[in-house]
Amino acid sequence: MRLPPERPPCSPTDAPVSPPLRTVGVLDWAYTLRTVRAKQVGVSGDTIHTEVNTALANRLDLGAKVELRQRQVLAPQVFQSLRVLGLPAVELREMVEAELNENPVLEIEEFGPAEGEEQPEAKEEEGPQEEIEWEEFADHLGVADMPAGPVQPRDEETTDAASLVAQPQTLTDHLVFQLHLQEFSPLEEKIGEAIIGSLDDDGYLKRDLQELARAYNTDLEQVEKVLAIVQGFDPPGVAARDLSECLRLQLNYLGVTEPKVHELVTDYLDELARKRYDVLGRKLKVDQEVVRDYADVVRSLSPRPGALFRTTDATSYVVPDVIVRELDGRLVVMGNEEVVPTLRISPLYRRLLSAGQADEKTQDYVKGKLKSAVELIKSIDRRKDTLTRIAKLIVVYQQDFFMHGPRSLKPLTRASVAQALDMHPSTVSRALAGKYIQTPYGTFEFKYFFSGGYQSVSGEDVSATSVKRHIRDLIEEEPAGRPHSDQKLAELLHSQGFEISRRTVAKYRDELRIEPSYRRKR
């Protein structure tokens, strides 16, 4: 066997050197393809590369260029004016109060003697004054035995004004007060407090009695005994575990002993809610008229006995921006001056700028605050003027409403008001949002006067709000046992001159939150 000849060893200098690996990217391939294409068409590679780059640059629109565009940008003054216009009266007052605290240039106009005038001096009463015998006066009042010594002045800074306001009594406080009047053992009193603490806002018990018995290491019978006493507290029906028990407790409180009434609230509440008097008559074996009498008794009860003590912290206040009054047979529109106090620029800072005694930094600060104050005063004046103009137009157009009441309301749209006052519709909508107007018939939101409408048979325009009021009046005057259907209401409205379909009557009835006729039977 012949071995292959040995290869001579290679020296380091004779060893082949491999070129370094290089990542080939997309641009490299594109460059190679352009070079091959250039050789095929017989042009140089640089020429075709230049043409391709120019075409790409034109397509991508690369490069710097000058372009003129128009864009609408609201100035800070316009933005503030629109913001003030859209604020309701209460929020505007809060904004002004915050601005008065932050801007020293702004102050409230105080109507009094002009600067330089002397204050009128109080005139002393002439004639001898009779001296009062204070000891006899004290004896007459029965305060001779009062401890002597100076009266301690009240610290007005530490006195909380909220503490002087009567706080509404809660359901828990009302029940705990009655609980402490009972002759309970300490354990029974704790159980009673636990029962009262387990009531929801409507006065229902939401805790299991077995759980209460285990929590206080006692038997169920003792917990039920305390519960029965708590259920006798005021308001009647409190601490019930369901609606049926709540109504039974109220019937017992009123002294209603009729067994069928108790049976009605115990077993047939669903049928009673649906007013199925015929079914209830058969089950109770009485006439439908008797069932209606039973239903009237149940209807007089309260399904939420604790609702009388329910309080809410979110109290909303309505402050009218415009007041309409009748003076000498004509309507007068005036702005409510109590919404925002009259503002002015402080004369002190005005003199400071005119004298030029302050340094440059101080003058710049005062000028900035002065500009802000002037813009705020102008914005408030524009808001008042806009609302007054709109209110005057409403009074002119809705004059029958202000003279004869809500039934005479006419259809009116914001677009028509904007066109009459030469305003943009968005400005009118912004100005009326959350604003109120005080009239001889009460305080209404501005949007109350804007609605679509119909034309009566006589050709008179009638607003949808007026039609709803007619529907409500017809339903309130309907017979108790024979409520009007939607079709009947449409026919009655037609007899009064309103061409309205049954579907429109049903729509307005739903908006008024009035139940259909089969649920209004009594």
Protein backbone atom coordinates (compact mmCIF):
# COMPACT_ATOMS: atom_id res chain seq x y z
CA MET A 1 0.00 0.00 0.00
CA ARG A 2 1.41 3.26 -1.06
CA LEU A 3 1.01 6.26 1.17
CA PRO A 4 0.32 9.66 -0.35
CA PRO A 5 3.33 11.93 -0.51
CA GLU A 6 3.68 14.22 2.43
CA ARG A 7 3.02 17.86 1.79
CA PRO A 8 5.72 20.18 2.91
CA PRO A 9 4.75 22.33 5.87
CA CYS A 10 3.66 25.83 4.99
CA SER A 11 5.30 28.77 6.53
CA PRO A 12 3.19 31.53 8.00
CA THR A 13 4.08 33.75 5.10
CA ASP A 14 2.98 31.20 2.53
CA ALA A 15 -0.47 30.62 4.15
CA PRO A 16 -3.34 32.10 2.12
CA VAL A 17 -4.99 35.10 3.74
CA SER A 18 -8.86 35.17 3.63
CA PRO A 19 -10.50 38.53 3.01
CA PRO A 20 -12.61 39.85 5.95
CA LEU A 21 -16.30 39.05 5.80
CA ARG A 22 -18.53 42.04 4.97
CA THR A 23 -22.28 42.27 5.36
CA VAL A 24 -23.97 42.84 2.05
CA GLY A 25 -26.87 45.24 2.39
CA VAL A 26 -29.69 46.27 0.11
CA LEU A 27 -27.82 49.34 -1.11
CA ASP A 28 -24.80 47.18 -2.06
CA TRP A 29 -26.95 44.90 -4.18
CA ALA A 30 -28.64 47.91 -5.77
CA TYR A 31 -25.21 49.39 -6.57
CA THR A 32 -24.06 46.06 -8.14
CA LEU A 33 -27.20 45.76 -10.24
CA ARG A 34 -26.81 49.32 -11.48
CA THR A 35 -23.19 48.59 -12.47
CA VAL A 36 -24.23 45.45 -14.41
CA ARG A 37 -27.01 47.38 -16.10
CA ALA A 38 -24.60 50.15 -17.05
CA LYS A 39 -22.29 47.64 -18.78
CA GLN A 40 -25.23 46.18 -20.69
CA VAL A 41 -26.35 49.53 -22.08
CA GLY A 42 -22.82 50.74 -22.67
CA VAL A 43 -22.64 53.71 -20.30
CA SER A 44 -20.42 54.36 -17.34
CA GLY A 45 -21.52 53.30 -13.84
CA ASP A 46 -21.18 56.83 -12.42
CA THR A 47 -23.64 58.20 -14.97
CA ILE A 48 -26.40 55.75 -14.19
CA HIS A 49 -25.83 56.12 -10.43
CA THR A 50 -26.24 59.90 -10.72
CA GLU A 51 -29.45 59.60 -12.77
CA VAL A 52 -30.99 57.11 -10.33
CA ASN A 53 -30.15 59.26 -7.27
CA THR A 54 -31.65 62.34 -8.96
CA ALA A 55 -34.87 60.48 -9.78
CA LEU A 56 -35.16 59.23 -6.20
CA ALA A 57 -34.57 62.71 -4.80
CA ASN A 58 -37.28 64.17 -7.05
CA ARG A 59 -39.73 61.46 -6.10
CA LEU A 60 -39.10 61.79 -2.35
CA ASP A 61 -39.08 65.60 -2.60
CA LEU A 62 -35.87 65.86 -0.64
CA GLY A 63 -34.33 69.22 -0.09
CA ALA A 64 -35.01 72.53 1.65
CA LYS A 65 -37.63 74.87 0.30
CA VAL A 66 -39.74 77.79 1.51
CA GLU A 67 -43.54 77.36 1.73
CA LEU A 68 -46.19 79.86 2.87
CA ARG A 69 -49.23 78.52 4.74
CA GLN A 70 -52.15 80.11 6.56
CA ARG A 71 -53.18 78.66 9.91
CA GLN A 72 -55.73 80.02 12.38
CA VAL A 73 -54.31 80.43 15.87
CA LEU A 74 -56.38 81.84 18.74
CA ALA A 75 -54.74 84.71 20.53
CA PRO A 76 -54.62 84.42 24.35
CA GLN A 77 -57.11 87.28 24.65
CA VAL A 78 -59.64 85.55 22.37
CA PHE A 79 -59.16 82.24 24.17
CA GLN A 80 -59.81 83.88 27.55
CA SER A 81 -62.88 85.68 26.20
CA LEU A 82 -64.36 82.39 24.92
CA ARG A 83 -63.58 80.69 28.22
CA VAL A 84 -65.28 83.44 30.25
CA LEU A 85 -68.28 83.37 27.90
CA GLY A 86 -68.81 79.64 28.46
CA LEU A 87 -68.51 79.68 32.26
CA PRO A 88 -71.71 79.48 34.34
CA ALA A 89 -72.28 82.16 36.96
CA VAL A 90 -70.96 80.16 39.94
CA GLU A 91 -67.77 79.08 38.15
CA LEU A 92 -67.20 82.61 36.86
CA ARG A 93 -67.45 83.94 40.40
CA GLU A 94 -64.88 81.39 41.57
CA MET A 95 -62.57 82.37 38.71
CA VAL A 96 -62.83 86.07 39.60
CA GLU A 97 -62.11 85.36 43.26
CA ALA A 98 -59.00 83.38 42.31
CA GLU A 99 -57.85 86.19 40.01
CA LEU A 100 -58.38 88.77 42.78
CA ASN A 101 -56.11 86.73 45.05
CA GLU A 102 -53.38 86.37 42.41
CA ASN A 103 -53.46 89.75 40.66
CA PRO A 104 -52.75 92.74 42.95
CA VAL A 105 -53.66 95.21 40.18
CA LEU A 106 -57.28 93.98 40.13
CA GLU A 107 -59.68 95.07 42.84
CA ILE A 108 -63.41 95.37 43.52
CA GLU A 109 -65.12 98.64 42.83
CA GLU A 110 -66.42 100.05 46.08
CA PHE A 111 -69.14 102.64 45.73
CA GLY A 112 -68.62 105.37 48.31
CA PRO A 113 -67.24 108.87 48.60
CA ALA A 114 -64.88 109.78 45.80
CA GLU A 115 -61.20 110.15 46.47
CA GLY A 116 -60.54 113.42 48.28
CA GLU A 117 -64.05 113.75 49.69
CA GLU A 118 -64.51 113.83 53.44
CA GLN A 119 -66.43 111.15 55.21
CA PRO A 120 -69.68 112.45 56.72
CA GLU A 121 -69.40 112.80 60.46
CA ALA A 122 -71.94 111.20 62.70
CA LYS A 123 -74.09 113.73 64.45
CA GLU A 124 -74.41 113.45 68.17
CA GLU A 125 -77.90 113.46 69.57
CA GLU A 126 -78.68 116.62 71.43
CA GLY A 127 -80.41 116.75 74.73
CA PRO A 128 -79.84 115.13 78.09
CA GLN A 129 -79.60 111.35 78.18
CA GLU A 130 -81.12 109.41 81.03
CA GLU A 131 -78.60 107.39 83.01
CA ILE A 132 -79.39 103.68 83.27
CA GLU A 133 -79.32 101.94 86.64
CA TRP A 134 -77.48 98.79 85.59
CA GLU A 135 -77.85 96.99 88.95
CA GLU A 136 -81.64 97.31 88.89
CA PHE A 137 -81.63 96.28 85.23
CA ALA A 138 -79.64 93.14 86.11
CA ASP A 139 -81.96 92.30 89.00
CA HIS A 140 -84.93 92.67 86.68
CA LEU A 141 -83.43 90.14 84.26
CA GLY A 142 -82.57 87.72 87.08
CA VAL A 143 -78.84 87.75 86.42
CA ALA A 144 -77.69 89.10 89.80
CA ASP A 145 -76.20 85.73 90.71
CA MET A 146 -74.08 85.47 87.57
CA PRO A 147 -70.34 85.06 88.27
CA ALA A 148 -68.44 88.29 88.26
CA GLY A 149 -65.50 88.87 85.99
CA PRO A 150 -64.78 90.03 82.50
CA VAL A 151 -66.52 88.34 79.62
CA GLN A 152 -64.08 86.39 77.51
CA PRO A 153 -64.17 87.67 73.94
CA ARG A 154 -64.91 85.17 71.21
CA ASP A 155 -61.98 84.32 69.04
CA GLU A 156 -63.39 85.04 65.59
CA GLU A 157 -60.36 83.60 63.84
CA THR A 158 -60.72 80.19 65.45
CA THR A 159 -64.52 80.06 65.25
CA ASP A 160 -65.61 77.74 62.47
CA ALA A 161 -68.61 79.14 60.62
CA ALA A 162 -69.58 75.63 59.50
CA SER A 163 -70.04 74.63 63.15
CA LEU A 164 -72.81 77.22 63.48
CA VAL A 165 -74.85 75.59 60.71
CA ALA A 166 -77.32 72.89 61.71
CA GLN A 167 -76.23 69.54 60.36
CA PRO A 168 -78.90 67.18 58.98
CA GLN A 169 -79.59 64.14 61.14
CA THR A 170 -78.66 60.82 59.60
CA LEU A 171 -80.64 57.60 59.83
CA THR A 172 -77.99 56.05 62.06
CA ASP A 173 -78.07 58.96 64.53
CA HIS A 174 -81.85 58.87 64.62
CA LEU A 175 -81.95 55.13 65.38
CA VAL A 176 -79.09 55.15 67.89
CA PHE A 177 -80.86 57.89 69.84
CA GLN A 178 -83.95 55.66 70.11
CA LEU A 179 -81.80 52.66 70.96
CA HIS A 180 -80.27 54.38 73.99
CA LEU A 181 -83.76 55.08 75.33
CA GLN A 182 -84.42 51.34 75.67
CA GLU A 183 -83.67 49.30 78.78
CA PHE A 184 -81.12 47.01 77.18
CA SER A 185 -78.31 45.02 78.71
CA PRO A 186 -74.80 45.97 77.51
CA LEU A 187 -74.76 42.96 75.17
CA GLU A 188 -78.18 43.75 73.72
CA GLU A 189 -77.16 47.36 73.20
CA LYS A 190 -74.08 46.25 71.26
CA ILE A 191 -76.24 43.93 69.14
CA GLY A 192 -78.65 46.79 68.45
CA GLU A 193 -75.80 49.09 67.41
CA ALA A 194 -74.49 46.33 65.11
CA ILE A 195 -77.94 45.96 63.52
CA ILE A 196 -78.22 49.72 62.98
CA GLY A 197 -74.71 49.83 61.54
CA SER A 198 -75.64 47.09 59.05
CA LEU A 199 -78.49 49.06 57.45
CA ASP A 200 -78.13 50.47 53.94
CA ASP A 201 -79.20 53.94 52.85
CA ASP A 202 -82.79 52.75 52.29
CA GLY A 203 -83.04 51.30 55.82
CA TYR A 204 -82.81 47.59 54.92
CA LEU A 205 -80.78 45.10 56.98
CA LYS A 206 -77.99 43.64 54.85
CA ARG A 207 -76.33 41.34 57.41
CA ASP A 208 -77.23 37.75 58.30
CA LEU A 209 -78.56 37.23 61.82
CA GLN A 210 -76.56 34.03 62.26
CA GLU A 211 -73.41 36.01 61.58
CA LEU A 212 -74.38 38.58 64.22
CA ALA A 213 -75.06 35.82 66.74
CA ARG A 214 -71.62 34.28 66.14
CA ALA A 215 -69.92 37.69 66.29
CA TYR A 216 -71.29 38.39 69.79
CA ASN A 217 -71.19 34.79 71.01
CA THR A 218 -74.91 34.58 71.65
CA ASP A 219 -77.88 32.63 70.35
CA LEU A 220 -80.08 33.56 67.40
CA GLU A 221 -83.14 34.07 69.60
CA GLN A 222 -81.56 37.01 71.43
CA VAL A 223 -80.53 38.68 68.14
CA GLU A 224 -84.08 38.31 66.78
CA LYS A 225 -85.45 39.81 69.99
CA VAL A 226 -83.29 42.93 69.58
CA LEU A 227 -84.14 43.11 65.86
CA ALA A 228 -87.87 43.07 66.62
CA ILE A 229 -87.43 46.06 68.93
CA VAL A 230 -85.33 47.97 66.39
CA GLN A 231 -87.97 47.30 63.74
CA GLY A 232 -90.43 49.18 65.92
CA PHE A 233 -88.34 52.38 65.75
CA ASP A 234 -89.13 55.38 63.63
CA PRO A 235 -89.30 55.48 60.61
CA PRO A 236 -91.77 52.62 60.22
CA GLY A 237 -90.45 49.71 58.17
CA VAL A 238 -86.80 50.22 59.10
CA ALA A 239 -84.45 47.23 59.59
CA ALA A 240 -86.55 45.01 57.31
CA ARG A 241 -84.78 42.27 55.36
CA ASP A 242 -86.86 42.58 52.19
CA LEU A 243 -89.61 44.70 50.66
CA SER A 244 -92.41 42.41 51.79
CA GLU A 245 -91.31 42.58 55.44
CA CYS A 246 -90.87 46.37 55.16
CA LEU A 247 -94.47 46.81 53.98
CA ARG A 248 -95.83 44.45 56.65
CA LEU A 249 -94.05 46.43 59.37
CA GLN A 250 -95.66 49.62 58.10
CA LEU A 251 -99.08 47.99 57.96
CA ASN A 252 -98.70 46.91 61.59
CA TYR A 253 -97.62 50.43 62.54
CA LEU A 254 -100.73 51.88 60.86
CA GLY A 255 -102.96 49.32 62.54
CA VAL A 256 -104.09 47.62 59.32
CA THR A 257 -105.29 44.17 60.40
CA GLU A 258 -107.02 43.06 57.19
CA PRO A 259 -105.49 39.62 56.44
CA LYS A 260 -105.87 39.94 52.68
CA VAL A 261 -103.83 43.16 52.62
CA HIS A 262 -101.03 41.35 54.43
CA GLU A 263 -101.41 38.44 52.02
CA LEU A 264 -101.21 40.88 49.10
CA VAL A 265 -97.83 42.34 50.17
CA THR A 266 -96.51 38.91 51.16
CA ASP A 267 -97.34 36.78 48.12
CA TYR A 268 -98.51 38.97 45.23
CA LEU A 269 -96.19 41.99 44.94
CA ASP A 270 -95.30 41.15 41.31
CA GLU A 271 -98.94 41.09 40.22
CA LEU A 272 -99.60 44.26 42.20
CA ALA A 273 -96.71 46.05 40.48
CA ARG A 274 -98.16 45.08 37.08
CA LYS A 275 -101.65 46.19 38.23
CA ARG A 276 -103.20 42.89 37.29
CA TYR A 277 -106.27 43.51 39.43
CA ASP A 278 -108.34 40.83 37.72
CA VAL A 279 -105.78 38.14 38.57
CA LEU A 280 -105.45 39.44 42.12
CA GLY A 281 -109.24 39.43 42.52
CA ARG A 282 -109.41 35.75 41.61
CA LYS A 283 -106.53 34.78 43.90
CA LEU A 284 -107.78 36.80 46.85
CA LYS A 285 -111.41 35.93 46.07
CA VAL A 286 -112.58 39.55 46.20
CA ASP A 287 -113.89 42.07 43.67
CA GLN A 288 -111.54 44.20 41.61
CA GLU A 289 -112.76 47.34 43.33
CA VAL A 290 -111.73 45.88 46.67
CA VAL A 291 -108.34 45.01 45.20
CA ARG A 292 -107.97 48.62 44.06
CA ASP A 293 -108.70 49.77 47.60
CA TYR A 294 -106.04 47.38 48.90
CA ALA A 295 -103.62 48.70 46.28
CA ASP A 296 -104.27 52.30 47.38
CA VAL A 297 -103.34 51.31 50.94
CA VAL A 298 -100.11 49.65 49.80
CA ARG A 299 -99.32 52.56 47.51
CA SER A 300 -99.39 54.91 50.51
CA LEU A 301 -96.52 52.99 52.13
CA SER A 302 -92.85 53.81 51.65
CA PRO A 303 -90.63 51.16 50.02
CA ARG A 304 -87.51 53.05 51.20
CA PRO A 305 -88.04 54.18 54.81
CA GLY A 306 -84.45 55.42 55.14
CA ALA A 307 -84.66 57.71 52.12
CA LEU A 308 -86.04 60.53 54.29
CA PHE A 309 -82.68 60.79 56.03
CA ARG A 310 -80.58 60.50 52.91
CA THR A 311 -78.36 63.53 52.43
CA THR A 312 -76.07 64.48 49.62
CA ASP A 313 -73.01 66.71 49.74
CA ALA A 314 -73.23 67.71 46.10
CA THR A 315 -75.52 70.72 46.42
CA SER A 316 -75.94 72.61 43.18
CA TYR A 317 -76.77 76.30 43.22
CA VAL A 318 -78.49 78.13 40.41
CA VAL A 319 -77.57 81.78 39.95
CA PRO A 320 -79.40 83.58 37.12
CA ASP A 321 -77.24 85.65 34.80
CA VAL A 322 -80.18 87.68 33.49
CA ILE A 323 -83.31 88.92 35.26
CA VAL A 324 -86.56 89.77 33.43
CA ARG A 325 -89.06 91.88 35.31
CA GLU A 326 -92.34 93.55 34.46
CA LEU A 327 -92.31 97.27 35.19
CA ASP A 328 -95.24 99.50 34.29
CA GLY A 329 -96.68 96.95 31.88
CA ARG A 330 -93.47 96.32 29.94
CA LEU A 331 -90.72 93.74 30.25
CA VAL A 332 -87.29 94.93 31.32
CA VAL A 333 -84.11 92.86 30.84
CA MET A 334 -81.20 93.50 33.17
CA GLY A 335 -78.01 91.69 34.04
CA ASN A 336 -77.59 90.17 37.48
CA GLU A 337 -75.01 92.40 39.13
CA GLU A 338 -74.58 89.90 41.97
CA VAL A 339 -72.95 87.33 39.70
CA VAL A 340 -69.61 89.12 39.55
CA PRO A 341 -68.69 92.26 41.50
CA THR A 342 -67.70 95.31 39.53
CA LEU A 343 -63.94 95.20 38.93
CA ARG A 344 -61.49 98.01 38.35
CA ILE A 345 -57.74 98.70 38.09
CA SER A 346 -56.11 99.68 41.35
CA PRO A 347 -55.33 103.44 41.40
CA LEU A 348 -52.21 102.72 43.45
CA TYR A 349 -50.56 100.67 40.70
CA ARG A 350 -51.81 103.08 38.07
CA ARG A 351 -49.99 105.92 39.84
CA LEU A 352 -46.94 103.69 40.29
CA LEU A 353 -46.61 103.24 36.52
CA SER A 354 -47.34 106.88 35.68
CA ALA A 355 -44.79 108.21 38.21
CA GLY A 356 -42.03 105.96 36.87
CA GLN A 357 -40.43 105.57 40.30
CA ALA A 358 -40.24 101.77 40.25
CA ASP A 359 -37.34 99.88 38.71
CA GLU A 360 -37.59 98.15 35.35
CA LYS A 361 -38.30 94.71 36.74
CA THR A 362 -41.16 96.00 38.90
CA GLN A 363 -42.64 97.96 36.00
CA ASP A 364 -42.59 94.87 33.76
CA TYR A 365 -44.37 92.87 36.47
CA VAL A 366 -47.04 95.54 36.99
CA LYS A 367 -47.53 95.95 33.23
CA GLY A 368 -48.11 92.21 32.82
CA LYS A 369 -50.64 92.10 35.66
CA LEU A 370 -52.30 95.25 34.34
CA LYS A 371 -52.74 93.72 30.90
CA SER A 372 -54.20 90.55 32.40
CA ALA A 373 -56.63 92.55 34.54
CA VAL A 374 -57.79 94.70 31.61
CA GLU A 375 -58.42 91.62 29.43
CA LEU A 376 -60.42 89.96 32.21
CA ILE A 377 -62.61 93.03 32.71
CA LYS A 378 -63.21 93.27 28.95
CA SER A 379 -64.08 89.55 28.75
CA ILE A 380 -66.61 89.86 31.57
CA ASP A 381 -68.19 92.92 29.94
CA ARG A 382 -68.44 91.10 26.59
CA ARG A 383 -70.03 88.12 28.31
CA LYS A 384 -72.61 90.33 30.02
CA ASP A 385 -73.37 92.16 26.77
CA THR A 386 -73.77 88.92 24.79
CA LEU A 387 -76.14 87.34 27.32
CA THR A 388 -78.18 90.53 27.59
CA ARG A 389 -78.58 90.77 23.80
CA ILE A 390 -79.70 87.15 23.57
CA ALA A 391 -82.10 87.59 26.50
CA LYS A 392 -83.67 90.69 24.92
CA LEU A 393 -84.26 88.80 21.68
CA ILE A 394 -85.84 85.91 23.60
CA VAL A 395 -88.12 88.31 25.48
CA VAL A 396 -89.24 89.91 22.22
CA TYR A 397 -89.85 86.59 20.46
CA GLN A 398 -91.31 84.77 23.49
CA GLN A 399 -93.37 87.71 24.74
CA ASP A 400 -96.49 85.55 25.09
CA PHE A 401 -94.59 83.25 27.47
CA PHE A 402 -93.63 86.13 29.76
CA MET A 403 -97.17 87.48 29.67
CA HIS A 404 -99.31 84.32 29.77
CA GLY A 405 -97.06 81.49 30.98
CA PRO A 406 -95.27 78.39 29.64
CA ARG A 407 -98.19 77.23 27.51
CA SER A 408 -97.55 80.11 25.13
CA LEU A 409 -93.97 79.11 24.36
CA LYS A 410 -93.08 79.27 20.65
CA PRO A 411 -90.50 77.24 18.71
CA LEU A 412 -87.09 78.88 18.55
CA THR A 413 -83.67 77.68 17.37
CA ARG A 414 -80.16 78.84 18.17
CA ALA A 415 -79.43 79.29 14.47
CA SER A 416 -82.24 81.83 14.12
CA VAL A 417 -80.97 83.75 17.15
CA ALA A 418 -77.42 83.72 15.78
CA GLN A 419 -78.65 85.03 12.43
CA ALA A 420 -80.72 87.79 14.04
CA LEU A 421 -77.82 88.95 16.24
CA ASP A 422 -75.15 88.48 13.54
CA MET A 423 -73.28 85.91 15.63
CA HIS A 424 -71.86 82.50 14.91
CA PRO A 425 -74.13 79.64 16.09
CA SER A 426 -71.26 78.20 18.14
CA THR A 427 -70.98 81.52 20.00
CA VAL A 428 -74.68 81.41 20.87
CA SER A 429 -74.41 77.79 22.05
CA ARG A 430 -71.35 78.59 24.15
CA ALA A 431 -73.04 81.64 25.67
CA LEU A 432 -76.21 79.73 26.64
CA ALA A 433 -74.58 76.58 28.06
CA GLY A 434 -75.34 76.34 31.78
CA LYS A 435 -76.85 79.85 31.99
CA TYR A 436 -80.14 80.70 33.67
CA ILE A 437 -82.69 83.47 33.33
CA GLN A 438 -85.05 84.62 36.08
CA THR A 439 -88.61 85.32 34.92
CA PRO A 440 -91.91 86.15 36.63
CA TYR A 441 -92.77 82.43 36.29
CA GLY A 442 -89.56 81.14 37.87
CA THR A 443 -85.93 80.59 36.97
CA PHE A 444 -85.32 78.66 33.75
CA GLU A 445 -82.27 77.50 31.89
CA PHE A 446 -81.77 79.36 28.64
CA LYS A 447 -82.13 76.17 26.62
CA TYR A 448 -85.71 75.88 27.89
CA PHE A 449 -86.73 78.56 25.38
CA PHE A 450 -85.19 76.70 22.42
CA SER A 451 -87.03 73.78 20.88
CA GLY A 452 -88.61 72.60 17.70
CA GLY A 453 -92.28 73.06 17.17
CA TYR A 454 -95.45 72.54 15.22
CA GLN A 455 -98.02 74.64 13.52
CA SER A 456 -101.51 74.51 14.90
CA VAL A 457 -104.64 74.33 12.82
CA SER A 458 -105.00 78.09 13.14
CA GLY A 459 -101.48 78.57 11.73
CA GLU A 460 -99.89 79.52 15.04
CA ASP A 461 -96.42 78.17 15.84
CA VAL A 462 -96.30 76.04 18.99
CA SER A 463 -93.11 74.72 20.61
CA ALA A 464 -92.54 71.10 21.58
CA THR A 465 -92.19 72.20 25.21
CA SER A 466 -95.69 73.66 25.11
CA VAL A 467 -97.06 70.44 23.58
CA LYS A 468 -95.46 68.41 26.38
CA ARG A 469 -97.12 70.62 28.95
CA HIS A 470 -100.51 70.01 27.28
CA ILE A 471 -99.86 66.25 27.37
CA ARG A 472 -99.00 66.40 31.07
CA ASP A 473 -102.16 68.39 31.82
CA LEU A 474 -104.34 65.91 29.91
CA ILE A 475 -102.85 62.98 31.83
CA GLU A 476 -103.31 64.71 35.19
CA GLU A 477 -106.99 65.35 34.39
CA GLU A 478 -107.76 61.84 33.07
CA PRO A 479 -110.18 59.55 34.97
CA ALA A 480 -108.51 57.37 37.61
CA GLY A 481 -109.88 54.09 36.31
CA ARG A 482 -109.75 54.91 32.58
CA PRO A 483 -106.40 56.50 31.67
CA HIS A 484 -105.97 57.88 28.16
CA SER A 485 -104.01 55.84 25.65
CA ASP A 486 -101.47 57.51 23.36
CA GLN A 487 -103.99 57.42 20.51
CA LYS A 488 -106.61 59.04 22.72
CA LEU A 489 -104.11 61.74 23.76
CA ALA A 490 -103.33 62.41 20.10
CA GLU A 491 -107.04 62.80 19.36
CA LEU A 492 -107.52 65.19 22.30
CA LEU A 493 -104.55 67.27 21.15
CA HIS A 494 -106.00 67.30 17.64
CA SER A 495 -109.25 68.69 19.05
CA GLN A 496 -107.16 71.47 20.67
CA GLY A 497 -105.55 72.29 17.32
CA PHE A 498 -102.30 70.26 17.47
CA GLU A 499 -101.61 67.97 14.52
CA ILE A 500 -99.46 65.35 16.30
CA SER A 501 -99.21 61.64 15.60
CA ARG A 502 -99.55 58.88 18.17
CA ARG A 503 -95.81 58.02 17.93
CA THR A 504 -94.90 61.61 18.74
CA VAL A 505 -97.21 61.54 21.76
CA ALA A 506 -95.54 58.33 22.97
CA LYS A 507 -92.11 59.91 22.49
CA TYR A 508 -93.03 63.03 24.48
CA ARG A 509 -94.67 60.91 27.18
CA ASP A 510 -91.45 58.92 27.60
CA GLU A 511 -89.46 62.14 27.79
CA LEU A 512 -91.81 63.31 30.54
CA ARG A 513 -91.20 59.98 32.34
CA ILE A 514 -94.90 59.14 32.40
CA GLU A 515 -95.91 55.48 32.31
CA PRO A 516 -98.18 54.09 29.57
CA SER A 517 -101.92 53.87 30.13
CA TYR A 518 -102.04 50.23 31.29
CA ARG A 519 -99.67 51.12 34.16
CA ARG A 520 -101.52 54.28 35.10
CA LYS A 521 -104.69 52.45 36.07
CA ARG A 522 -105.68 53.05 39.66
